[in-house]
Amino acid sequence: MSITIENAEVEALLADLTRTTRRAVPDLLLDLLRQEQARMSGEAERRIAEGLAADAAMRRRLAASEIDDPRPIDEILAWDEHGLPA
């Protein structure tokens, strides 16, 4: 597979990096892509962990809150014995 890059800035940055690092273009691109993949994977894991922590905090707050209305839900919603609004 070959890649054609038609972007002057990308080409210039790639040329500068290959010159600076003295590495072949495929090796350099492979390392850069692996780094980006690792960064994205870490970002996804961080977002999942934050979401789970937020969920746990919400569940703790809900469990700690008092019940405002002790009536059964059917009575609160005023459903009759057939499950229809009363």
N, C-alpha and C. Protein backbone atom coordinates (compact mmCIF):
# COMPACT_ATOMS: atom_id res chain seq x y z
N MET A 1 0.84 -1.17 0.00
CA MET A 1 0.00 0.00 0.00
C MET A 1 0.89 1.24 0.00
N SER A 2 0.51 2.19 -0.76
CA SER A 2 1.25 3.45 -0.75
C SER A 2 0.31 4.57 -0.34
N ILE A 3 0.91 5.62 0.18
CA ILE A 3 0.15 6.77 0.64
C ILE A 3 0.64 7.98 -0.14
N THR A 4 -0.29 8.72 -0.69
CA THR A 4 0.04 9.96 -1.38
C THR A 4 -0.40 11.11 -0.50
N ILE A 5 0.53 11.99 -0.20
CA ILE A 5 0.23 13.15 0.63
C ILE A 5 0.35 14.39 -0.24
N GLU A 6 -0.75 15.07 -0.38
CA GLU A 6 -0.76 16.28 -1.19
C GLU A 6 -1.04 17.48 -0.29
N ASN A 7 -0.15 17.67 0.66
CA ASN A 7 -0.27 18.77 1.60
C ASN A 7 1.14 19.27 1.89
N ALA A 8 1.41 20.48 1.49
CA ALA A 8 2.77 21.02 1.61
C ALA A 8 3.26 21.06 3.05
N GLU A 9 2.38 21.41 3.97
CA GLU A 9 2.79 21.48 5.38
C GLU A 9 3.15 20.09 5.91
N VAL A 10 2.33 19.10 5.58
CA VAL A 10 2.62 17.73 6.02
C VAL A 10 3.94 17.27 5.44
N GLU A 11 4.13 17.50 4.17
CA GLU A 11 5.38 17.09 3.53
C GLU A 11 6.58 17.78 4.16
N ALA A 12 6.45 19.07 4.48
CA ALA A 12 7.56 19.81 5.08
C ALA A 12 7.85 19.29 6.49
N LEU A 13 6.81 19.07 7.28
CA LEU A 13 7.01 18.54 8.62
C LEU A 13 7.63 17.14 8.59
N LEU A 14 7.16 16.32 7.68
CA LEU A 14 7.70 14.97 7.55
C LEU A 14 9.17 15.01 7.13
N ALA A 15 9.49 15.88 6.18
CA ALA A 15 10.88 16.01 5.75
C ALA A 15 11.77 16.49 6.89
N ASP A 16 11.27 17.45 7.66
CA ASP A 16 12.03 17.98 8.80
C ASP A 16 12.26 16.89 9.85
N LEU A 17 11.21 16.14 10.17
CA LEU A 17 11.33 15.08 11.16
C LEU A 17 12.26 13.96 10.70
N THR A 18 12.18 13.59 9.45
CA THR A 18 13.07 12.53 8.97
C THR A 18 14.52 13.00 8.97
N ARG A 19 14.72 14.26 8.65
CA ARG A 19 16.07 14.82 8.67
C ARG A 19 16.59 14.91 10.11
N THR A 20 15.75 15.38 11.01
CA THR A 20 16.15 15.56 12.40
C THR A 20 16.40 14.23 13.11
N THR A 21 15.50 13.27 12.89
CA THR A 21 15.60 11.99 13.59
C THR A 21 16.48 10.98 12.85
N ARG A 22 16.78 11.27 11.57
CA ARG A 22 17.56 10.35 10.73
C ARG A 22 16.89 8.99 10.62
N ARG A 23 15.57 9.02 10.52
CA ARG A 23 14.79 7.78 10.40
C ARG A 23 14.09 7.76 9.05
N ALA A 24 13.80 6.56 8.58
CA ALA A 24 13.09 6.41 7.32
C ALA A 24 11.63 6.84 7.51
N VAL A 25 11.05 7.33 6.45
CA VAL A 25 9.67 7.82 6.50
C VAL A 25 8.71 6.74 7.01
N PRO A 26 8.74 5.52 6.49
CA PRO A 26 7.78 4.52 7.00
C PRO A 26 7.93 4.25 8.50
N ASP A 27 9.18 4.18 8.98
CA ASP A 27 9.40 3.95 10.41
C ASP A 27 8.87 5.11 11.25
N LEU A 28 9.14 6.31 10.79
CA LEU A 28 8.69 7.50 11.51
C LEU A 28 7.17 7.56 11.53
N LEU A 29 6.54 7.35 10.38
CA LEU A 29 5.08 7.38 10.31
C LEU A 29 4.46 6.28 11.17
N LEU A 30 5.04 5.10 11.16
CA LEU A 30 4.53 4.01 11.98
C LEU A 30 4.57 4.37 13.46
N ASP A 31 5.69 4.92 13.91
CA ASP A 31 5.80 5.33 15.32
C ASP A 31 4.80 6.43 15.66
N LEU A 32 4.66 7.41 14.78
CA LEU A 32 3.72 8.50 15.03
C LEU A 32 2.28 7.98 15.10
N LEU A 33 1.94 7.06 14.21
CA LEU A 33 0.59 6.49 14.21
C LEU A 33 0.35 5.65 15.47
N ARG A 34 1.35 4.89 15.88
CA ARG A 34 1.22 4.10 17.12
C ARG A 34 1.06 5.01 18.34
N GLN A 35 1.79 6.12 18.37
CA GLN A 35 1.67 7.06 19.49
C GLN A 35 0.27 7.67 19.53
N GLU A 36 -0.23 8.02 18.36
CA GLU A 36 -1.58 8.62 18.30
C GLU A 36 -2.63 7.60 18.71
N GLN A 37 -2.46 6.36 18.28
CA GLN A 37 -3.41 5.32 18.66
C GLN A 37 -3.38 5.10 20.17
N ALA A 38 -2.21 5.07 20.76
CA ALA A 38 -2.08 4.90 22.21
C ALA A 38 -2.71 6.08 22.94
N ARG A 39 -2.49 7.29 22.42
CA ARG A 39 -3.08 8.47 23.04
C ARG A 39 -4.60 8.41 22.99
N MET A 40 -5.13 8.03 21.84
CA MET A 40 -6.59 7.95 21.69
C MET A 40 -7.16 6.85 22.58
N SER A 41 -6.48 5.75 22.68
CA SER A 41 -6.93 4.66 23.53
C SER A 41 -6.94 5.09 24.99
N GLY A 42 -5.88 5.78 25.41
CA GLY A 42 -5.81 6.30 26.77
C GLY A 42 -6.90 7.32 27.04
N GLU A 43 -7.19 8.15 26.04
CA GLU A 43 -8.24 9.16 26.16
C GLU A 43 -9.60 8.47 26.33
N ALA A 44 -9.85 7.44 25.56
CA ALA A 44 -11.12 6.72 25.67
C ALA A 44 -11.24 6.06 27.04
N GLU A 45 -10.16 5.45 27.50
CA GLU A 45 -10.19 4.82 28.82
C GLU A 45 -10.43 5.85 29.92
N ARG A 46 -9.83 7.03 29.78
CA ARG A 46 -10.02 8.09 30.77
C ARG A 46 -11.48 8.54 30.79
N ARG A 47 -12.06 8.72 29.60
CA ARG A 47 -13.46 9.17 29.52
C ARG A 47 -14.41 8.12 30.09
N ILE A 48 -14.11 6.85 29.84
CA ILE A 48 -14.94 5.78 30.40
C ILE A 48 -14.84 5.79 31.92
N ALA A 49 -13.62 5.93 32.44
CA ALA A 49 -13.43 5.96 33.90
C ALA A 49 -14.15 7.16 34.51
N GLU A 50 -14.09 8.31 33.85
CA GLU A 50 -14.79 9.50 34.36
C GLU A 50 -16.30 9.27 34.36
N GLY A 51 -16.81 8.65 33.30
CA GLY A 51 -18.24 8.37 33.22
C GLY A 51 -18.68 7.41 34.31
N LEU A 52 -17.88 6.37 34.55
CA LEU A 52 -18.22 5.42 35.61
C LEU A 52 -18.17 6.08 36.98
N ALA A 53 -17.19 6.96 37.20
CA ALA A 53 -17.09 7.67 38.47
C ALA A 53 -18.30 8.60 38.67
N ALA A 54 -18.70 9.29 37.60
CA ALA A 54 -19.87 10.18 37.69
C ALA A 54 -21.13 9.37 37.97
N ASP A 55 -21.25 8.21 37.33
CA ASP A 55 -22.40 7.34 37.56
C ASP A 55 -22.43 6.87 39.02
N ALA A 56 -21.28 6.45 39.53
CA ALA A 56 -21.21 5.99 40.92
C ALA A 56 -21.57 7.12 41.88
N ALA A 57 -21.09 8.33 41.61
CA ALA A 57 -21.41 9.47 42.48
C ALA A 57 -22.90 9.76 42.44
N MET A 58 -23.50 9.69 41.26
CA MET A 58 -24.94 9.94 41.15
C MET A 58 -25.72 8.88 41.91
N ARG A 59 -25.30 7.63 41.80
CA ARG A 59 -25.99 6.55 42.53
C ARG A 59 -25.86 6.74 44.05
N ARG A 60 -24.68 7.19 44.51
CA ARG A 60 -24.51 7.45 45.95
C ARG A 60 -25.44 8.56 46.41
N ARG A 61 -25.51 9.65 45.61
CA ARG A 61 -26.40 10.76 45.98
C ARG A 61 -27.86 10.31 45.99
N LEU A 62 -28.23 9.50 45.02
CA LEU A 62 -29.61 9.02 44.95
C LEU A 62 -29.91 8.11 46.14
N ALA A 63 -28.99 7.22 46.47
CA ALA A 63 -29.20 6.30 47.59
C ALA A 63 -29.27 7.06 48.91
N ALA A 64 -28.54 8.18 49.02
CA ALA A 64 -28.52 8.95 50.26
C ALA A 64 -29.72 9.88 50.39
N SER A 65 -30.41 10.13 49.29
CA SER A 65 -31.54 11.07 49.34
C SER A 65 -32.75 10.42 50.00
N GLU A 66 -33.54 11.25 50.64
CA GLU A 66 -34.74 10.77 51.31
C GLU A 66 -35.85 10.59 50.29
N ILE A 67 -36.75 9.67 50.59
CA ILE A 67 -37.92 9.47 49.73
C ILE A 67 -38.92 10.56 50.08
N ASP A 68 -39.31 11.35 49.09
CA ASP A 68 -40.22 12.46 49.33
C ASP A 68 -41.66 11.98 49.51
N ASP A 69 -42.03 10.95 48.80
CA ASP A 69 -43.41 10.48 48.85
C ASP A 69 -43.39 8.97 49.04
N PRO A 70 -43.79 8.48 50.21
CA PRO A 70 -43.69 7.04 50.49
C PRO A 70 -44.78 6.20 49.82
N ARG A 71 -45.74 6.83 49.11
CA ARG A 71 -46.82 6.07 48.49
C ARG A 71 -46.28 5.19 47.36
N PRO A 72 -46.98 4.11 47.05
CA PRO A 72 -46.58 3.27 45.91
C PRO A 72 -46.69 4.06 44.61
N ILE A 73 -45.89 3.70 43.64
CA ILE A 73 -45.84 4.45 42.39
C ILE A 73 -47.20 4.48 41.70
N ASP A 74 -47.97 3.38 41.77
CA ASP A 74 -49.30 3.37 41.14
C ASP A 74 -50.22 4.42 41.75
N GLU A 75 -50.09 4.61 43.05
CA GLU A 75 -50.91 5.61 43.73
C GLU A 75 -50.45 7.02 43.37
N ILE A 76 -49.16 7.21 43.27
CA ILE A 76 -48.63 8.54 42.92
C ILE A 76 -49.08 8.93 41.52
N LEU A 77 -48.99 7.98 40.59
CA LEU A 77 -49.36 8.27 39.20
C LEU A 77 -50.87 8.20 38.98
N ALA A 78 -51.60 7.77 40.00
CA ALA A 78 -53.06 7.69 39.94
C ALA A 78 -53.52 6.73 38.86
N TRP A 79 -52.91 5.55 38.80
CA TRP A 79 -53.37 4.51 37.88
C TRP A 79 -54.44 3.68 38.57
N ASP A 80 -55.37 3.20 37.78
CA ASP A 80 -56.38 2.33 38.38
C ASP A 80 -55.90 0.88 38.32
N GLU A 81 -56.76 -0.07 38.74
CA GLU A 81 -56.36 -1.48 38.80
C GLU A 81 -56.08 -2.08 37.42
N HIS A 82 -56.49 -1.38 36.33
CA HIS A 82 -56.25 -1.86 34.98
C HIS A 82 -55.02 -1.19 34.33
N GLY A 83 -54.32 -0.38 35.10
CA GLY A 83 -53.12 0.28 34.59
C GLY A 83 -53.44 1.50 33.74
N LEU A 84 -54.64 2.03 33.88
CA LEU A 84 -55.04 3.23 33.12
C LEU A 84 -55.05 4.43 34.05
N PRO A 85 -54.85 5.63 33.48
CA PRO A 85 -54.91 6.83 34.33
C PRO A 85 -56.28 6.94 34.98
N ALA A 86 -56.26 7.28 36.24
CA ALA A 86 -57.53 7.39 36.99
C ALA A 86 -58.16 8.74 36.78
